[in-house]
């Protein structure tokens, strides 16, 4: 089954403290479906990320957006800075 988005050749940081590894990231219906070498996979949109770092699934548990979330419940300012 093809992916909606395929990020190719990214330096993936998994949050465990181990060194980054070059992987592809397959995304389907807005969620990470697979990470690894997806050489034969296809997608509607492919993003070449060679030399770029990707940290899928990180969650920021410490921000100072207390007031911002009251002003904008979608947390647009936090999301644009990488907080999820």
N, C-alpha and C. Protein backbone atom coordinates (compact mmCIF):
# COMPACT_ATOMS: atom_id res chain seq x y z
N UNK A 1 0.85 -1.19 0.00
CA UNK A 1 0.00 0.00 0.00
C UNK A 1 0.89 1.24 0.00
N UNK A 2 0.69 2.15 -0.95
CA UNK A 2 1.54 3.35 -1.00
C UNK A 2 1.26 4.29 0.17
N UNK A 3 2.24 5.14 0.43
CA UNK A 3 2.12 6.15 1.49
C UNK A 3 1.54 7.43 0.91
N UNK A 4 1.01 8.27 1.77
CA UNK A 4 0.58 9.60 1.35
C UNK A 4 1.80 10.49 1.17
N UNK A 5 2.73 10.40 2.15
CA UNK A 5 3.97 11.18 2.12
C UNK A 5 5.12 10.24 2.45
N UNK A 6 6.22 10.41 1.75
CA UNK A 6 7.42 9.62 2.02
C UNK A 6 8.59 10.58 2.15
N UNK A 7 9.19 10.61 3.33
CA UNK A 7 10.37 11.43 3.58
C UNK A 7 11.58 10.52 3.39
N UNK A 8 12.42 10.84 2.45
CA UNK A 8 13.53 9.96 2.09
C UNK A 8 14.87 10.47 2.63
N UNK A 9 15.69 9.53 3.07
CA UNK A 9 17.09 9.78 3.43
C UNK A 9 17.29 10.79 4.55
N UNK A 10 16.38 10.80 5.50
CA UNK A 10 16.47 11.74 6.63
C UNK A 10 17.40 11.19 7.71
N UNK A 11 18.06 12.08 8.42
CA UNK A 11 18.82 11.71 9.61
C UNK A 11 17.82 11.65 10.76
N UNK A 12 17.41 10.46 11.13
CA UNK A 12 16.33 10.30 12.10
C UNK A 12 16.89 10.19 13.52
N UNK A 13 16.39 11.08 14.38
CA UNK A 13 16.70 11.06 15.82
C UNK A 13 15.48 10.47 16.52
N UNK A 14 15.67 9.38 17.24
CA UNK A 14 14.51 8.71 17.83
C UNK A 14 14.25 9.07 19.29
N UNK A 15 15.07 9.93 19.87
CA UNK A 15 14.83 10.38 21.23
C UNK A 15 15.40 9.48 22.31
N UNK A 16 16.08 8.40 21.93
CA UNK A 16 16.63 7.48 22.93
C UNK A 16 18.05 7.84 23.34
N UNK A 17 18.65 8.81 22.63
CA UNK A 17 20.03 9.18 22.92
C UNK A 17 21.04 8.47 22.03
N UNK A 18 20.58 7.53 21.22
CA UNK A 18 21.48 6.86 20.29
C UNK A 18 21.76 7.80 19.12
N UNK A 19 22.88 7.58 18.41
CA UNK A 19 23.18 8.43 17.26
C UNK A 19 22.09 8.34 16.19
N UNK A 20 21.96 9.40 15.40
CA UNK A 20 20.99 9.40 14.31
C UNK A 20 21.33 8.31 13.30
N UNK A 21 20.31 7.89 12.57
CA UNK A 21 20.46 6.91 11.49
C UNK A 21 19.72 7.44 10.28
N UNK A 22 20.23 7.14 9.09
CA UNK A 22 19.54 7.54 7.87
C UNK A 22 18.41 6.55 7.60
N UNK A 23 17.19 7.08 7.56
CA UNK A 23 15.99 6.28 7.30
C UNK A 23 15.04 7.04 6.41
N UNK A 24 14.07 6.32 5.90
CA UNK A 24 12.92 6.91 5.22
C UNK A 24 11.76 6.83 6.20
N UNK A 25 10.81 7.76 6.05
CA UNK A 25 9.64 7.78 6.92
C UNK A 25 8.40 7.78 6.04
N UNK A 26 7.59 6.74 6.17
CA UNK A 26 6.34 6.63 5.42
C UNK A 26 5.18 7.10 6.26
N UNK A 27 4.40 8.04 5.71
CA UNK A 27 3.27 8.62 6.43
C UNK A 27 1.99 8.28 5.68
N UNK A 28 1.01 7.80 6.43
CA UNK A 28 -0.28 7.44 5.86
C UNK A 28 -1.39 8.00 6.76
N UNK A 29 -2.33 8.73 6.18
CA UNK A 29 -3.45 9.34 6.91
C UNK A 29 -2.97 10.19 8.10
N UNK A 30 -1.88 10.94 7.90
CA UNK A 30 -1.40 11.86 8.91
C UNK A 30 -0.61 11.24 10.05
N UNK A 31 -0.30 9.94 9.94
CA UNK A 31 0.45 9.26 11.00
C UNK A 31 1.65 8.54 10.42
N UNK A 32 2.70 8.44 11.22
CA UNK A 32 3.88 7.69 10.79
C UNK A 32 3.48 6.22 10.72
N UNK A 33 3.61 5.64 9.54
CA UNK A 33 3.22 4.25 9.34
C UNK A 33 4.42 3.31 9.36
N UNK A 34 5.58 3.83 8.93
CA UNK A 34 6.76 2.98 8.88
C UNK A 34 8.02 3.84 8.82
N UNK A 35 9.08 3.36 9.49
CA UNK A 35 10.38 4.01 9.46
C UNK A 35 11.41 2.95 9.11
N UNK A 36 12.30 3.26 8.21
CA UNK A 36 13.34 2.30 7.80
C UNK A 36 13.78 2.61 6.38
N UNK A 37 14.38 1.64 5.75
CA UNK A 37 14.78 1.79 4.35
C UNK A 37 13.59 1.37 3.50
N UNK A 38 12.92 2.32 2.90
CA UNK A 38 11.70 2.07 2.14
C UNK A 38 11.95 2.30 0.65
N UNK A 39 13.04 1.74 0.16
CA UNK A 39 13.50 1.98 -1.21
C UNK A 39 12.46 1.71 -2.28
N UNK A 40 11.67 0.67 -2.12
CA UNK A 40 10.70 0.29 -3.16
C UNK A 40 9.33 0.92 -2.95
N UNK A 41 9.18 1.69 -1.92
CA UNK A 41 7.87 2.29 -1.60
C UNK A 41 7.59 3.50 -2.48
N UNK A 42 6.31 3.78 -2.66
CA UNK A 42 5.83 4.92 -3.44
C UNK A 42 4.95 5.79 -2.56
N UNK A 43 4.80 7.05 -2.96
CA UNK A 43 3.93 7.97 -2.22
C UNK A 43 3.42 9.05 -3.16
N UNK A 44 2.31 9.65 -2.79
CA UNK A 44 1.76 10.76 -3.55
C UNK A 44 2.71 11.96 -3.51
N UNK A 45 3.35 12.16 -2.35
CA UNK A 45 4.32 13.24 -2.17
C UNK A 45 5.60 12.64 -1.60
N UNK A 46 6.72 12.95 -2.23
CA UNK A 46 8.01 12.50 -1.72
C UNK A 46 8.87 13.70 -1.40
N UNK A 47 9.50 13.66 -0.23
CA UNK A 47 10.35 14.75 0.24
C UNK A 47 11.76 14.22 0.39
N UNK A 48 12.70 14.82 -0.29
CA UNK A 48 14.11 14.44 -0.15
C UNK A 48 14.68 15.19 1.04
N UNK A 49 15.14 14.46 2.05
CA UNK A 49 15.61 15.08 3.28
C UNK A 49 17.07 14.79 3.57
N UNK A 50 17.83 14.41 2.56
CA UNK A 50 19.26 14.13 2.76
C UNK A 50 19.93 15.32 3.43
N UNK A 51 20.67 15.04 4.50
CA UNK A 51 21.37 16.09 5.23
C UNK A 51 20.50 16.83 6.25
N UNK A 52 19.22 16.50 6.30
CA UNK A 52 18.30 17.14 7.23
C UNK A 52 18.00 16.18 8.39
N UNK A 53 17.71 16.73 9.56
CA UNK A 53 17.36 15.94 10.73
C UNK A 53 15.85 15.89 10.89
N UNK A 54 15.34 14.73 11.25
CA UNK A 54 13.92 14.55 11.52
C UNK A 54 13.79 13.86 12.86
N UNK A 55 12.91 14.38 13.70
CA UNK A 55 12.69 13.80 15.03
C UNK A 55 11.20 13.49 15.15
N UNK A 56 10.74 12.40 14.55
CA UNK A 56 9.30 12.11 14.56
C UNK A 56 8.80 11.74 15.95
N UNK A 57 7.65 12.31 16.29
CA UNK A 57 6.98 11.92 17.52
C UNK A 57 7.45 12.60 18.78
N UNK A 58 8.37 13.56 18.71
CA UNK A 58 8.79 14.23 19.93
C UNK A 58 7.63 15.03 20.51
N UNK A 59 7.54 15.04 21.81
CA UNK A 59 6.51 15.81 22.51
C UNK A 59 7.21 16.76 23.46
N UNK A 60 6.89 18.03 23.36
CA UNK A 60 7.49 19.04 24.23
C UNK A 60 6.67 19.10 25.51
N UNK A 61 7.27 18.70 26.63
CA UNK A 61 6.53 18.71 27.88
C UNK A 61 6.82 19.95 28.72
N UNK A 62 7.62 20.89 28.18
CA UNK A 62 7.92 22.10 28.93
C UNK A 62 7.94 23.30 27.98
N UNK A 63 6.88 24.06 28.01
CA UNK A 63 6.85 25.31 27.24
C UNK A 63 6.34 26.41 28.16
N UNK A 64 6.47 27.63 27.69
CA UNK A 64 5.96 28.77 28.44
C UNK A 64 4.82 29.39 27.66
N UNK A 65 3.93 28.55 27.15
CA UNK A 65 2.81 29.04 26.35
C UNK A 65 1.51 29.01 27.15
N UNK A 66 1.61 29.18 28.45
CA UNK A 66 0.42 29.13 29.31
C UNK A 66 -0.64 30.13 28.88
N UNK A 67 -0.26 31.37 28.68
CA UNK A 67 -1.22 32.39 28.29
C UNK A 67 -1.58 32.24 26.81
N UNK A 68 -0.60 31.89 26.00
CA UNK A 68 -0.83 31.73 24.56
C UNK A 68 -1.91 30.72 24.24
N UNK A 69 -1.98 29.65 24.99
CA UNK A 69 -2.99 28.62 24.74
C UNK A 69 -4.40 29.14 25.05
N UNK A 70 -4.50 30.10 25.96
CA UNK A 70 -5.80 30.70 26.27
C UNK A 70 -6.24 31.65 25.16
N UNK A 71 -5.26 32.32 24.55
CA UNK A 71 -5.55 33.25 23.46
C UNK A 71 -5.86 32.49 22.18
N UNK A 72 -5.10 31.42 21.91
CA UNK A 72 -5.26 30.63 20.69
C UNK A 72 -5.26 29.14 21.06
N UNK A 73 -6.43 28.54 21.27
CA UNK A 73 -6.51 27.14 21.69
C UNK A 73 -5.88 26.14 20.72
N UNK A 74 -5.62 26.55 19.48
CA UNK A 74 -4.96 25.63 18.54
C UNK A 74 -3.45 25.60 18.75
N UNK A 75 -2.95 26.47 19.63
CA UNK A 75 -1.51 26.55 19.97
C UNK A 75 -0.65 26.75 18.74
N UNK A 76 -1.15 27.54 17.83
CA UNK A 76 -0.44 27.78 16.57
C UNK A 76 1.00 28.25 16.79
N UNK A 77 1.21 29.16 17.74
CA UNK A 77 2.57 29.67 17.97
C UNK A 77 3.50 28.57 18.48
N UNK A 78 3.02 27.67 19.30
CA UNK A 78 3.85 26.58 19.82
C UNK A 78 4.14 25.55 18.73
N UNK A 79 3.10 25.21 17.96
CA UNK A 79 3.27 24.20 16.90
C UNK A 79 4.28 24.68 15.86
N UNK A 80 4.24 25.94 15.51
CA UNK A 80 5.17 26.47 14.50
C UNK A 80 6.62 26.48 15.01
N UNK A 81 6.80 26.35 16.32
CA UNK A 81 8.14 26.29 16.88
C UNK A 81 8.58 24.85 17.19
N UNK A 82 7.74 23.88 16.83
CA UNK A 82 8.11 22.49 17.01
C UNK A 82 7.54 21.80 18.22
N UNK A 83 6.79 22.52 19.05
CA UNK A 83 6.16 21.88 20.21
C UNK A 83 4.93 21.13 19.75
N UNK A 84 4.75 19.94 20.27
CA UNK A 84 3.58 19.15 19.88
C UNK A 84 2.81 18.72 21.11
